[in-house]
């Protein structure tokens, strides 16, 4: 459902000024959090888009040999963080410059995950962020790391 709604917004072009910030409105310590889950169809769609059909993500019988069931692609979890960076904080006009992420624990299909972005430093055109995803019920960390982004103030 979230995927369909986001695609509809992109098709209508509603992201051009939605939540737009500039450097003057961004401070160290600013943060944003959001919660969602990934269902089997989300993971299957990501597999089709990325070409990553590893059965650890799609085949329950195979995944049970290693984990408690199919796990969400790490890149899909990271895409959730990317959505926070690009639409919420810093927001539209944000371009990823670098990321260093780890996936210390698996995220299972249908497990709720809370994504978090915290601004840790601002230097010239670069914004440094601490990023993380955890399962709210258990505090299990499924992604942690750092991202450096650029906020493009004028898009030509």
N, C-alpha and C. Protein backbone atom coordinates (compact mmCIF):
# COMPACT_ATOMS: atom_id res chain seq x y z
N UNK A 1 0.82 -1.19 0.00
CA UNK A 1 0.00 0.00 0.00
C UNK A 1 0.87 1.26 0.00
N UNK A 2 1.88 1.31 0.87
CA UNK A 2 2.78 2.46 0.89
C UNK A 2 3.44 2.64 -0.47
N UNK A 3 3.87 1.54 -1.08
CA UNK A 3 4.52 1.61 -2.38
C UNK A 3 3.61 2.25 -3.42
N UNK A 4 2.36 1.83 -3.46
CA UNK A 4 1.41 2.36 -4.43
C UNK A 4 1.18 3.85 -4.18
N UNK A 5 0.99 4.24 -2.94
CA UNK A 5 0.77 5.66 -2.62
C UNK A 5 1.97 6.51 -3.00
N UNK A 6 3.18 6.03 -2.71
CA UNK A 6 4.37 6.79 -3.04
C UNK A 6 4.51 6.94 -4.55
N UNK A 7 4.24 5.86 -5.30
CA UNK A 7 4.32 5.95 -6.76
C UNK A 7 3.30 6.95 -7.29
N UNK A 8 2.11 6.97 -6.71
CA UNK A 8 1.09 7.92 -7.16
C UNK A 8 1.56 9.35 -6.92
N UNK A 9 2.20 9.60 -5.78
CA UNK A 9 2.72 10.95 -5.52
C UNK A 9 3.80 11.34 -6.52
N UNK A 10 4.69 10.40 -6.83
CA UNK A 10 5.75 10.69 -7.80
C UNK A 10 5.15 11.00 -9.16
N UNK A 11 4.17 10.22 -9.59
CA UNK A 11 3.55 10.45 -10.90
C UNK A 11 2.88 11.82 -10.97
N UNK A 12 2.33 12.29 -9.86
CA UNK A 12 1.69 13.60 -9.85
C UNK A 12 2.69 14.73 -9.65
N UNK A 13 3.95 14.39 -9.32
CA UNK A 13 4.97 15.41 -9.15
C UNK A 13 4.84 16.18 -7.86
N UNK A 14 4.25 15.60 -6.84
CA UNK A 14 4.02 16.33 -5.59
C UNK A 14 5.24 16.44 -4.69
N UNK A 15 6.39 15.91 -5.10
CA UNK A 15 7.56 15.97 -4.25
C UNK A 15 8.40 17.23 -4.49
N UNK A 16 8.06 18.05 -5.44
CA UNK A 16 8.92 19.16 -5.80
C UNK A 16 9.15 20.14 -4.64
N UNK A 17 8.15 20.43 -3.84
CA UNK A 17 8.34 21.35 -2.72
C UNK A 17 7.87 20.77 -1.40
N UNK A 18 7.40 19.53 -1.40
CA UNK A 18 6.90 18.89 -0.19
C UNK A 18 7.99 18.80 0.87
N UNK A 19 7.85 19.52 1.97
CA UNK A 19 8.80 19.43 3.07
C UNK A 19 10.18 19.96 2.74
N UNK A 20 10.31 20.77 1.74
CA UNK A 20 11.62 21.27 1.31
C UNK A 20 12.27 22.09 2.40
N UNK A 21 13.54 21.82 2.67
CA UNK A 21 14.31 22.56 3.67
C UNK A 21 15.53 23.17 3.00
N UNK A 22 16.11 24.15 3.65
CA UNK A 22 17.40 24.65 3.21
C UNK A 22 18.35 24.54 4.39
N UNK A 23 19.63 24.85 4.17
CA UNK A 23 20.63 24.70 5.21
C UNK A 23 20.29 25.50 6.47
N UNK A 24 19.65 26.64 6.30
CA UNK A 24 19.32 27.48 7.45
C UNK A 24 18.30 26.81 8.38
N UNK A 25 17.55 25.85 7.85
CA UNK A 25 16.51 25.18 8.65
C UNK A 25 16.92 23.78 9.10
N UNK A 26 18.19 23.44 9.01
CA UNK A 26 18.67 22.13 9.44
C UNK A 26 19.72 22.34 10.52
N UNK A 27 19.56 21.60 11.62
CA UNK A 27 20.48 21.74 12.76
C UNK A 27 20.97 20.39 13.22
N UNK A 28 22.14 20.40 13.83
CA UNK A 28 22.65 19.18 14.46
C UNK A 28 21.64 18.75 15.53
N UNK A 29 21.34 17.48 15.54
CA UNK A 29 20.37 16.94 16.48
C UNK A 29 18.98 16.78 15.89
N UNK A 30 18.69 17.43 14.76
CA UNK A 30 17.40 17.21 14.11
C UNK A 30 17.27 15.72 13.81
N UNK A 31 16.06 15.20 13.95
CA UNK A 31 15.86 13.77 13.74
C UNK A 31 14.46 13.49 13.23
N UNK A 32 14.33 12.33 12.63
CA UNK A 32 13.04 11.85 12.14
C UNK A 32 13.00 10.34 12.34
N UNK A 33 11.80 9.84 12.64
CA UNK A 33 11.59 8.40 12.79
C UNK A 33 10.31 8.02 12.05
N UNK A 34 10.27 6.81 11.57
CA UNK A 34 9.06 6.28 10.92
C UNK A 34 9.05 4.77 11.12
N UNK A 35 7.86 4.21 11.15
CA UNK A 35 7.69 2.77 11.33
C UNK A 35 6.94 2.19 10.14
N UNK A 36 7.36 1.03 9.72
CA UNK A 36 6.68 0.30 8.65
C UNK A 36 7.05 -1.18 8.77
N UNK A 37 6.48 -1.98 7.93
CA UNK A 37 6.88 -3.38 7.81
C UNK A 37 6.94 -3.71 6.32
N UNK A 38 7.63 -4.79 6.01
CA UNK A 38 7.73 -5.25 4.63
C UNK A 38 7.03 -6.60 4.54
N UNK A 39 6.01 -6.69 3.71
CA UNK A 39 5.29 -7.95 3.51
C UNK A 39 6.01 -8.77 2.42
N UNK A 40 5.56 -9.99 2.25
CA UNK A 40 6.16 -10.87 1.24
C UNK A 40 6.12 -10.23 -0.14
N UNK A 41 5.01 -9.57 -0.49
CA UNK A 41 4.90 -8.95 -1.82
C UNK A 41 5.91 -7.82 -2.00
N UNK A 42 6.19 -7.06 -0.94
CA UNK A 42 7.22 -6.01 -1.02
C UNK A 42 8.58 -6.64 -1.35
N UNK A 43 8.91 -7.71 -0.63
CA UNK A 43 10.20 -8.38 -0.83
C UNK A 43 10.27 -9.00 -2.23
N UNK A 44 9.18 -9.61 -2.68
CA UNK A 44 9.15 -10.21 -4.02
C UNK A 44 9.29 -9.14 -5.10
N UNK A 45 8.63 -7.99 -4.90
CA UNK A 45 8.75 -6.90 -5.88
C UNK A 45 10.18 -6.37 -5.92
N UNK A 46 10.80 -6.23 -4.74
CA UNK A 46 12.19 -5.78 -4.70
C UNK A 46 13.10 -6.79 -5.40
N UNK A 47 12.83 -8.08 -5.20
CA UNK A 47 13.63 -9.10 -5.89
C UNK A 47 13.51 -8.95 -7.40
N UNK A 48 12.30 -8.70 -7.88
CA UNK A 48 12.11 -8.50 -9.33
C UNK A 48 12.85 -7.26 -9.81
N UNK A 49 12.76 -6.18 -9.05
CA UNK A 49 13.41 -4.93 -9.46
C UNK A 49 14.94 -5.04 -9.42
N UNK A 50 15.46 -5.71 -8.41
CA UNK A 50 16.92 -5.77 -8.22
C UNK A 50 17.56 -6.97 -8.90
N UNK A 51 16.76 -8.00 -9.17
CA UNK A 51 17.32 -9.23 -9.71
C UNK A 51 17.89 -10.16 -8.64
N UNK A 52 17.72 -9.81 -7.37
CA UNK A 52 18.23 -10.61 -6.26
C UNK A 52 17.17 -11.60 -5.81
N UNK A 53 17.20 -12.79 -6.40
CA UNK A 53 16.24 -13.84 -6.08
C UNK A 53 16.82 -14.86 -5.10
N UNK A 54 17.74 -14.45 -4.28
CA UNK A 54 18.31 -15.34 -3.26
C UNK A 54 17.16 -15.96 -2.47
N UNK A 55 17.10 -17.29 -2.38
CA UNK A 55 15.98 -17.92 -1.68
C UNK A 55 15.91 -17.59 -0.19
N UNK A 56 16.94 -17.04 0.38
CA UNK A 56 16.90 -16.65 1.80
C UNK A 56 15.82 -15.59 2.03
N UNK A 57 15.45 -14.87 0.95
CA UNK A 57 14.44 -13.83 1.03
C UNK A 57 13.05 -14.30 0.61
N UNK A 58 12.97 -15.37 -0.18
CA UNK A 58 11.71 -15.72 -0.84
C UNK A 58 11.18 -17.12 -0.54
N UNK A 59 12.02 -18.01 -0.09
CA UNK A 59 11.65 -19.41 0.09
C UNK A 59 11.69 -19.77 1.58
N UNK A 60 10.52 -19.93 2.18
CA UNK A 60 10.43 -20.19 3.62
C UNK A 60 11.17 -21.46 4.02
N UNK A 61 11.05 -22.51 3.24
CA UNK A 61 11.71 -23.78 3.58
C UNK A 61 13.23 -23.61 3.56
N UNK A 62 13.74 -22.93 2.54
CA UNK A 62 15.18 -22.68 2.46
C UNK A 62 15.65 -21.80 3.60
N UNK A 63 14.92 -20.71 3.85
CA UNK A 63 15.32 -19.74 4.88
C UNK A 63 15.33 -20.36 6.27
N UNK A 64 14.44 -21.32 6.53
CA UNK A 64 14.39 -21.96 7.85
C UNK A 64 15.65 -22.74 8.16
N UNK A 65 16.45 -23.07 7.16
CA UNK A 65 17.73 -23.75 7.39
C UNK A 65 18.75 -22.84 8.05
N UNK A 66 18.57 -21.52 7.91
CA UNK A 66 19.53 -20.56 8.43
C UNK A 66 18.90 -19.63 9.46
N UNK A 67 17.72 -19.12 9.16
CA UNK A 67 17.01 -18.18 10.03
C UNK A 67 15.67 -18.77 10.44
N UNK A 68 14.82 -17.97 11.05
CA UNK A 68 13.49 -18.42 11.44
C UNK A 68 12.48 -18.27 10.32
N UNK A 69 12.91 -17.87 9.16
CA UNK A 69 12.05 -17.67 8.01
C UNK A 69 12.71 -16.71 7.05
N UNK A 70 12.02 -16.35 5.96
CA UNK A 70 12.58 -15.42 4.98
C UNK A 70 12.90 -14.05 5.61
N UNK A 71 14.00 -13.48 5.16
CA UNK A 71 14.42 -12.18 5.68
C UNK A 71 14.33 -11.12 4.58
N UNK A 72 14.17 -9.89 5.00
CA UNK A 72 14.08 -8.75 4.08
C UNK A 72 15.49 -8.44 3.56
N UNK A 73 15.60 -8.14 2.28
CA UNK A 73 16.88 -7.72 1.69
C UNK A 73 17.44 -6.53 2.48
N UNK A 74 18.73 -6.55 2.76
CA UNK A 74 19.37 -5.41 3.42
C UNK A 74 19.22 -4.14 2.60
N UNK A 75 19.31 -4.27 1.28
CA UNK A 75 19.19 -3.09 0.42
C UNK A 75 17.78 -2.50 0.49
N UNK A 76 16.77 -3.33 0.74
CA UNK A 76 15.41 -2.82 0.88
C UNK A 76 15.25 -2.07 2.20
N UNK A 77 15.86 -2.58 3.25
CA UNK A 77 15.85 -1.85 4.53
C UNK A 77 16.55 -0.50 4.35
N UNK A 78 17.67 -0.52 3.65
CA UNK A 78 18.41 0.72 3.39
C UNK A 78 17.58 1.68 2.53
N UNK A 79 16.76 1.15 1.64
CA UNK A 79 15.89 2.00 0.82
C UNK A 79 14.88 2.73 1.70
N UNK A 80 14.44 2.09 2.78
CA UNK A 80 13.55 2.75 3.75
C UNK A 80 14.25 3.97 4.34
N UNK A 81 15.53 3.82 4.71
CA UNK A 81 16.31 4.96 5.21
C UNK A 81 16.44 6.02 4.12
N UNK A 82 16.70 5.59 2.90
CA UNK A 82 16.81 6.53 1.78
C UNK A 82 15.53 7.34 1.62
N UNK A 83 14.38 6.70 1.83
CA UNK A 83 13.11 7.42 1.72
C UNK A 83 12.99 8.49 2.80
N UNK A 84 13.50 8.20 4.00
CA UNK A 84 13.47 9.21 5.06
C UNK A 84 14.40 10.38 4.73
N UNK A 85 15.59 10.06 4.23
CA UNK A 85 16.54 11.11 3.86
C UNK A 85 15.99 11.99 2.73
N UNK A 86 15.40 11.37 1.73
CA UNK A 86 14.97 12.10 0.54
C UNK A 86 13.62 12.78 0.64
N UNK A 87 12.79 12.37 1.61
CA UNK A 87 11.46 12.98 1.70
C UNK A 87 11.19 13.69 3.03
N UNK A 88 11.97 13.37 4.08
CA UNK A 88 11.67 13.94 5.39
C UNK A 88 12.81 14.76 5.98
N UNK A 89 14.01 14.19 6.04
CA UNK A 89 15.14 14.90 6.65
C UNK A 89 16.43 14.45 6.01
N UNK A 90 17.15 15.28 5.31
CA UNK A 90 16.89 16.69 5.08
C UNK A 90 15.68 16.96 4.19
N UNK A 91 15.30 16.02 3.30
CA UNK A 91 14.10 16.19 2.49
C UNK A 91 14.39 16.30 1.01
N UNK A 92 13.39 16.72 0.24
CA UNK A 92 13.55 16.82 -1.22
C UNK A 92 14.77 17.64 -1.61
N UNK A 93 15.49 17.15 -2.60
CA UNK A 93 16.73 17.78 -3.04
C UNK A 93 17.95 17.13 -2.42
N UNK A 94 17.74 16.13 -1.54
CA UNK A 94 18.85 15.44 -0.90
C UNK A 94 19.45 14.41 -1.86
N UNK A 95 20.76 14.42 -1.96
CA UNK A 95 21.49 13.48 -2.80
C UNK A 95 22.46 12.70 -1.90
N UNK A 96 22.41 11.38 -1.99
CA UNK A 96 23.33 10.55 -1.20
C UNK A 96 24.75 10.73 -1.74
N UNK A 97 25.68 10.93 -0.84
CA UNK A 97 27.09 11.05 -1.20
C UNK A 97 27.83 9.78 -0.80
N UNK A 98 27.60 9.30 0.42
CA UNK A 98 28.20 8.04 0.86
C UNK A 98 27.38 7.45 1.99
N UNK A 99 27.52 6.14 2.14
CA UNK A 99 26.87 5.44 3.24
C UNK A 99 27.79 4.33 3.73
N UNK A 100 27.75 4.10 5.03
CA UNK A 100 28.45 2.98 5.64
C UNK A 100 27.41 2.32 6.53
N UNK A 101 26.92 1.15 6.13
CA UNK A 101 25.85 0.50 6.88
C UNK A 101 26.23 -0.94 7.22
N UNK A 102 25.67 -1.38 8.33
CA UNK A 102 25.81 -2.75 8.79
C UNK A 102 24.43 -3.31 9.08
N UNK A 103 24.32 -4.62 8.95
CA UNK A 103 23.06 -5.32 9.21
C UNK A 103 23.31 -6.38 10.28
N UNK A 104 23.35 -5.96 11.57
CA UNK A 104 23.75 -6.88 12.63
C UNK A 104 22.78 -8.02 12.91
N UNK A 105 21.49 -7.83 12.62
CA UNK A 105 20.48 -8.86 12.86
C UNK A 105 19.54 -8.89 11.66
N UNK A 106 18.90 -10.02 11.41
CA UNK A 106 17.97 -10.09 10.28
C UNK A 106 16.64 -9.41 10.60
N UNK A 107 16.01 -8.87 9.58
CA UNK A 107 14.64 -8.38 9.67
C UNK A 107 13.77 -9.38 8.93
N UNK A 108 12.78 -9.91 9.62
CA UNK A 108 11.90 -10.90 9.02
C UNK A 108 10.73 -10.22 8.33
N UNK A 109 10.21 -10.89 7.32
CA UNK A 109 9.03 -10.40 6.61
C UNK A 109 7.90 -10.21 7.61
N UNK A 110 7.18 -9.12 7.49
CA UNK A 110 6.05 -8.72 8.34
C UNK A 110 6.46 -8.23 9.73
N UNK A 111 7.74 -8.12 10.01
CA UNK A 111 8.21 -7.60 11.29
C UNK A 111 8.25 -6.08 11.20
N UNK A 112 7.70 -5.39 12.19
CA UNK A 112 7.73 -3.92 12.17
C UNK A 112 9.17 -3.45 12.37
N UNK A 113 9.50 -2.37 11.66
CA UNK A 113 10.83 -1.78 11.77
C UNK A 113 10.68 -0.27 11.88
N UNK A 114 11.48 0.31 12.76
CA UNK A 114 11.49 1.76 12.94
C UNK A 114 12.80 2.30 12.37
N UNK A 115 12.68 3.17 11.37
CA UNK A 115 13.85 3.82 10.78
C UNK A 115 14.09 5.16 11.45
N UNK A 116 15.36 5.51 11.60
CA UNK A 116 15.72 6.75 12.28
C UNK A 116 16.88 7.43 11.57
N UNK A 117 16.77 8.74 11.42
CA UNK A 117 17.84 9.57 10.87
C UNK A 117 18.08 10.70 11.86
N UNK A 118 19.35 10.91 12.25
CA UNK A 118 19.72 11.99 13.16
C UNK A 118 20.86 12.77 12.52
N UNK A 119 20.71 14.08 12.42
CA UNK A 119 21.77 14.93 11.87
C UNK A 119 22.88 15.03 12.92
N UNK A 120 24.10 14.62 12.55
CA UNK A 120 25.21 14.64 13.51
C UNK A 120 26.22 15.75 13.24
N UNK A 121 26.29 16.24 12.02
CA UNK A 121 27.22 17.33 11.69
C UNK A 121 26.81 17.95 10.37
N UNK A 122 27.21 19.20 10.19
CA UNK A 122 26.98 19.91 8.93
C UNK A 122 28.28 20.63 8.59
N UNK A 123 28.82 20.34 7.41
CA UNK A 123 30.07 20.97 6.98
C UNK A 123 29.94 21.36 5.51
N UNK A 124 29.96 22.65 5.28
CA UNK A 124 29.79 23.19 3.94
C UNK A 124 28.51 22.64 3.32
N UNK A 125 28.61 21.93 2.20
CA UNK A 125 27.41 21.41 1.53
C UNK A 125 27.04 20.00 1.98
N UNK A 126 27.78 19.46 2.95
CA UNK A 126 27.55 18.08 3.38
C UNK A 126 26.82 18.02 4.71
N UNK A 127 25.89 17.08 4.80
CA UNK A 127 25.14 16.83 6.02
C UNK A 127 25.46 15.39 6.43
N UNK A 128 25.94 15.22 7.65
CA UNK A 128 26.32 13.91 8.16
C UNK A 128 25.21 13.40 9.06
N UNK A 129 24.81 12.15 8.84
CA UNK A 129 23.67 11.58 9.56
C UNK A 129 24.03 10.24 10.18
N UNK A 130 23.49 9.99 11.36
CA UNK A 130 23.49 8.65 11.94
C UNK A 130 22.17 8.02 11.52
N UNK A 131 22.24 6.81 11.01
CA UNK A 131 21.04 6.13 10.52
C UNK A 131 20.91 4.79 11.23
N UNK A 132 19.67 4.39 11.48
CA UNK A 132 19.46 3.08 12.10
C UNK A 132 18.05 2.59 11.83
N UNK A 133 17.89 1.29 11.94
CA UNK A 133 16.59 0.64 11.90
C UNK A 133 16.57 -0.41 12.98
N UNK A 134 15.48 -0.43 13.75
CA UNK A 134 15.35 -1.44 14.80
C UNK A 134 13.91 -1.91 14.86
N UNK A 135 13.73 -3.08 15.43
CA UNK A 135 12.39 -3.62 15.67
C UNK A 135 11.92 -3.02 16.99
N UNK A 136 10.87 -2.19 16.98
CA UNK A 136 10.48 -1.47 18.20
C UNK A 136 10.15 -2.37 19.39
N UNK A 137 9.52 -3.51 19.15
CA UNK A 137 9.09 -4.37 20.25
C UNK A 137 10.25 -4.98 21.02
N UNK A 138 11.36 -5.26 20.31
CA UNK A 138 12.48 -5.97 20.94
C UNK A 138 13.76 -5.15 21.01
N UNK A 139 13.77 -3.98 20.35
CA UNK A 139 14.98 -3.14 20.24
C UNK A 139 16.08 -3.82 19.41
N UNK A 140 15.73 -4.88 18.68
CA UNK A 140 16.70 -5.57 17.83
C UNK A 140 17.12 -4.62 16.71
N UNK A 141 18.42 -4.37 16.57
CA UNK A 141 18.95 -3.49 15.54
C UNK A 141 19.18 -4.30 14.27
N UNK A 142 18.56 -3.85 13.16
CA UNK A 142 18.69 -4.55 11.89
C UNK A 142 19.51 -3.75 10.87
N UNK A 143 19.75 -2.48 11.15
CA UNK A 143 20.62 -1.65 10.30
C UNK A 143 21.16 -0.54 11.19
N UNK A 144 22.46 -0.28 11.08
CA UNK A 144 23.02 0.91 11.70
C UNK A 144 24.18 1.40 10.85
N UNK A 145 24.42 2.69 10.95
CA UNK A 145 25.52 3.24 10.17
C UNK A 145 25.47 4.74 10.07
N UNK A 146 26.15 5.23 9.05
CA UNK A 146 26.27 6.67 8.82
C UNK A 146 26.00 6.95 7.35
N UNK A 147 25.45 8.11 7.11
CA UNK A 147 25.23 8.56 5.73
C UNK A 147 25.71 10.00 5.62
N UNK A 148 26.31 10.30 4.51
CA UNK A 148 26.67 11.66 4.17
C UNK A 148 25.85 12.03 2.95
N UNK A 149 25.13 13.13 3.07
CA UNK A 149 24.27 13.57 1.97
C UNK A 149 24.57 15.02 1.63
N UNK A 150 24.14 15.41 0.47
CA UNK A 150 24.22 16.80 0.03
C UNK A 150 22.80 17.28 -0.17
N UNK A 151 22.53 18.49 0.24
CA UNK A 151 21.23 19.09 0.00
C UNK A 151 21.41 20.10 -1.13
N UNK A 152 20.81 19.79 -2.26
CA UNK A 152 20.90 20.66 -3.42
C UNK A 152 19.85 21.76 -3.24
N UNK A 153 20.30 22.99 -3.07
CA UNK A 153 19.36 24.08 -2.80
C UNK A 153 18.63 24.54 -4.04
N UNK A 154 19.27 24.47 -5.17
CA UNK A 154 18.63 24.87 -6.41
C UNK A 154 18.80 23.77 -7.42
N UNK A 155 17.68 23.21 -7.86
CA UNK A 155 17.73 22.14 -8.86
C UNK A 155 17.44 22.78 -10.21
N UNK A 156 18.38 22.63 -11.14
CA UNK A 156 18.20 23.22 -12.47
C UNK A 156 17.93 22.17 -13.49
